[in-house]
């Protein structure tokens, strides 16, 4: 049987000793770097998990808040629709002391969407006129007031932005609460056709009086 020696041979020269020490130093540095990297990775794992959890919680909270806001707006709209249903249109808009008014269909929600496309005054308050001379959305409160001043059964509401205004108008229109209401023109005040006159050029002109 042969016995293998496990004894370490001493370096034969100072150069070999220096080389060995340099190698041991390099290996020691590599070991320290690996240990430090492991510690950093171990410390980072909880932060990454916590960040993911925080992001998920934040998304859930935001979704819950948006849902609550939508539900609140829907509840407010329902209350307003109920109130409007208790105050129906006047059966006889003609008054002995005031002007007469004609009622006709209001613009459709599709027409409103086309008049107020995304990207135009999105975050500006809009005044929704659902019953008035010209139903629609207005940015100027004065212009909106002009559409309802003196109009019976008029309806106007301020909304925070374009999207809410369009949504509110659509809901009112679908509930049958949108209508164009304009002053009637009395027959006596309507233009009367007068005699026609012909000119040499062949143009025939009707003269109106009143």
Foldseek 3Di string as FASTA:
>chain_A
DDDDDPDDDDDPDPVVVVVVVVVVVVVVVVVVVVVVVVVVVVVCVVVVVVVVVVVVVVVVVVVVVVVVVVVVLVVVLVVVLVVLVVVDDDPAQDDPVDFRKDKDAADALVVQCVVDPPPPFFQAKWKAWQEFQHGYIDRDPVVVCVGHVPFPSTDIDIDRGDVSNSVSNNVCVVSVNGIHMGTDDDPVRDWDWDDWDADPVGDIDIDTDD
